């Protein structure tokens, strides 16, 4: 297979990923989270608390993660943020599966799949 053919196949894969339901849902969830003022406020609060925590940790001071964890818990309870995180996980899982298939093909490995992997044949579990 020529470099041109490989490039064409890669472009087809990129197009498939771009048109996937996982990406569509990720973009929709991102828009909803961006439009949600309470979600944006929580994200801003989290960033400030996390930056403060990291600065204290770097300087050797008392690095208490309590505030970061408290805000993270509030973020987990925000529907817009939770929907975005779920969509992000599903998109990442799809990319990981594609990466595993490519890696296995390149290395000639059959991979270490489990019954949970969508790429595995149920007869091999």
Protein backbone atom coordinates (compact mmCIF):
# COMPACT_ATOMS: atom_id res chain seq x y z
CA UNK A 1 0.00 0.00 0.00
CA UNK A 2 1.38 3.39 -0.98
CA UNK A 3 1.76 6.42 1.25
CA UNK A 4 -1.08 8.03 -0.67
CA UNK A 5 -3.39 5.09 0.06
CA UNK A 6 -2.48 5.18 3.75
CA UNK A 7 -3.19 8.91 3.79
CA UNK A 8 -6.58 8.29 2.16
CA UNK A 9 -7.45 5.63 4.75
CA UNK A 10 -6.38 7.97 7.56
CA UNK A 11 -8.60 10.70 6.13
CA UNK A 12 -11.51 8.24 6.01
CA UNK A 13 -10.89 7.33 9.65
CA UNK A 14 -10.75 11.02 10.58
CA UNK A 15 -14.04 11.63 8.77
CA UNK A 16 -15.66 8.65 10.52
CA UNK A 17 -14.53 9.97 13.90
CA UNK A 18 -15.75 13.46 13.02
CA UNK A 19 -19.18 12.11 12.09
CA UNK A 20 -19.45 9.68 15.01
CA UNK A 21 -22.35 9.94 17.46
CA UNK A 22 -19.76 10.14 20.25
CA UNK A 23 -18.25 13.34 18.82
CA UNK A 24 -21.67 14.81 18.08
CA UNK A 25 -22.72 14.20 21.69
CA UNK A 26 -19.44 15.60 23.01
CA UNK A 27 -19.91 18.83 21.05
CA UNK A 28 -23.56 19.10 22.15
CA UNK A 29 -22.63 18.54 25.79
CA UNK A 30 -19.80 21.06 25.51
CA UNK A 31 -22.17 23.71 24.13
CA UNK A 32 -24.68 23.03 26.90
CA UNK A 33 -21.98 23.24 29.57
CA UNK A 34 -20.61 26.47 28.09
CA UNK A 35 -24.09 28.00 28.11
CA UNK A 36 -24.74 26.93 31.72
CA UNK A 37 -23.74 29.85 33.94
CA UNK A 38 -23.65 27.74 37.10
CA UNK A 39 -21.37 25.22 35.40
CA UNK A 40 -19.04 28.00 34.27
CA UNK A 41 -18.98 29.46 37.78
CA UNK A 42 -18.08 26.05 39.26
CA UNK A 43 -15.33 25.54 36.69
CA UNK A 44 -13.87 28.97 37.49
CA UNK A 45 -14.02 28.26 41.24
CA UNK A 46 -12.38 24.90 40.71
CA UNK A 47 -9.56 26.42 38.65
CA UNK A 48 -8.80 29.01 41.33
CA UNK A 49 -8.86 26.41 44.12
CA UNK A 50 -6.74 23.97 42.10
CA UNK A 51 -4.19 26.66 41.20
CA UNK A 52 -3.94 27.65 44.86
CA UNK A 53 -3.50 24.01 45.88
CA UNK A 54 -0.76 23.46 43.28
CA UNK A 55 1.03 26.67 44.26
CA UNK A 56 1.04 25.60 47.92
CA UNK A 57 2.30 22.16 46.99
CA UNK A 58 5.10 23.59 44.81
CA UNK A 59 6.26 26.00 47.48
CA UNK A 60 6.39 23.25 50.08
CA UNK A 61 3.57 24.78 52.09
CA UNK A 62 0.52 23.09 53.48
CA UNK A 63 -1.32 21.73 50.46
CA UNK A 64 -4.85 20.99 51.62
CA UNK A 65 -6.98 19.52 48.85
CA UNK A 66 -10.22 19.85 50.82
CA UNK A 67 -11.48 22.89 48.89
CA UNK A 68 -10.57 21.33 45.55
CA UNK A 69 -12.45 18.15 46.50
CA UNK A 70 -15.46 20.12 47.73
CA UNK A 71 -15.76 22.01 44.47
CA UNK A 72 -15.12 18.83 42.47
CA UNK A 73 -18.03 17.22 44.29
CA UNK A 74 -20.26 20.15 43.40
CA UNK A 75 -19.10 19.90 39.78
CA UNK A 76 -19.95 16.19 39.74
CA UNK A 77 -23.48 17.12 40.78
CA UNK A 78 -23.94 19.69 38.02
CA UNK A 79 -25.96 18.06 35.19
CA UNK A 80 -24.19 19.98 32.41
CA UNK A 81 -20.73 19.13 33.66
CA UNK A 82 -21.69 15.51 34.36
CA UNK A 83 -23.15 15.12 30.84
CA UNK A 84 -19.98 16.61 29.34
CA UNK A 85 -17.73 14.31 31.35
CA UNK A 86 -19.78 11.26 30.31
CA UNK A 87 -19.66 12.31 26.65
CA UNK A 88 -15.93 12.92 26.92
CA UNK A 89 -15.41 9.44 28.40
CA UNK A 90 -17.39 7.81 25.59
CA UNK A 91 -15.48 9.75 22.93
CA UNK A 92 -12.14 8.86 24.53
CA UNK A 93 -13.19 5.20 24.72
CA UNK A 94 -13.95 5.21 20.98
CA UNK A 95 -10.54 6.75 20.24
CA UNK A 96 -8.84 4.22 22.52
CA UNK A 97 -10.48 1.36 20.64
CA UNK A 98 -9.33 2.80 17.30
CA UNK A 99 -5.83 3.29 18.71
CA UNK A 100 -5.74 -0.29 20.00
CA UNK A 101 -6.75 -1.64 16.60
CA UNK A 102 -4.06 0.45 14.88
CA UNK A 103 -1.40 -0.50 17.43
CA UNK A 104 -2.24 -4.19 17.18
CA UNK A 105 -2.11 -4.06 13.37
CA UNK A 106 1.23 -2.23 13.38
CA UNK A 107 2.84 -4.49 15.96
CA UNK A 108 1.24 -7.70 14.70
CA UNK A 109 -0.20 -8.30 18.15
CA UNK A 110 -3.64 -9.64 18.81
CA UNK A 111 -3.79 -7.48 21.92
CA UNK A 112 -4.91 -8.23 25.41
CA UNK A 113 -8.61 -7.84 24.97
CA UNK A 114 -11.22 -8.64 27.54
CA UNK A 115 -14.86 -9.49 27.24
CA UNK A 116 -15.72 -5.82 27.75
CA UNK A 117 -13.83 -4.75 24.62
CA UNK A 118 -16.07 -4.02 21.65
CA UNK A 119 -13.31 -5.25 19.34
CA UNK A 120 -13.18 -8.75 20.79
CA UNK A 121 -14.89 -11.79 19.41
CA UNK A 122 -17.07 -13.39 22.07
CA UNK A 123 -15.60 -16.80 21.19
CA UNK A 124 -12.22 -15.63 22.49
CA UNK A 125 -13.40 -14.65 25.97
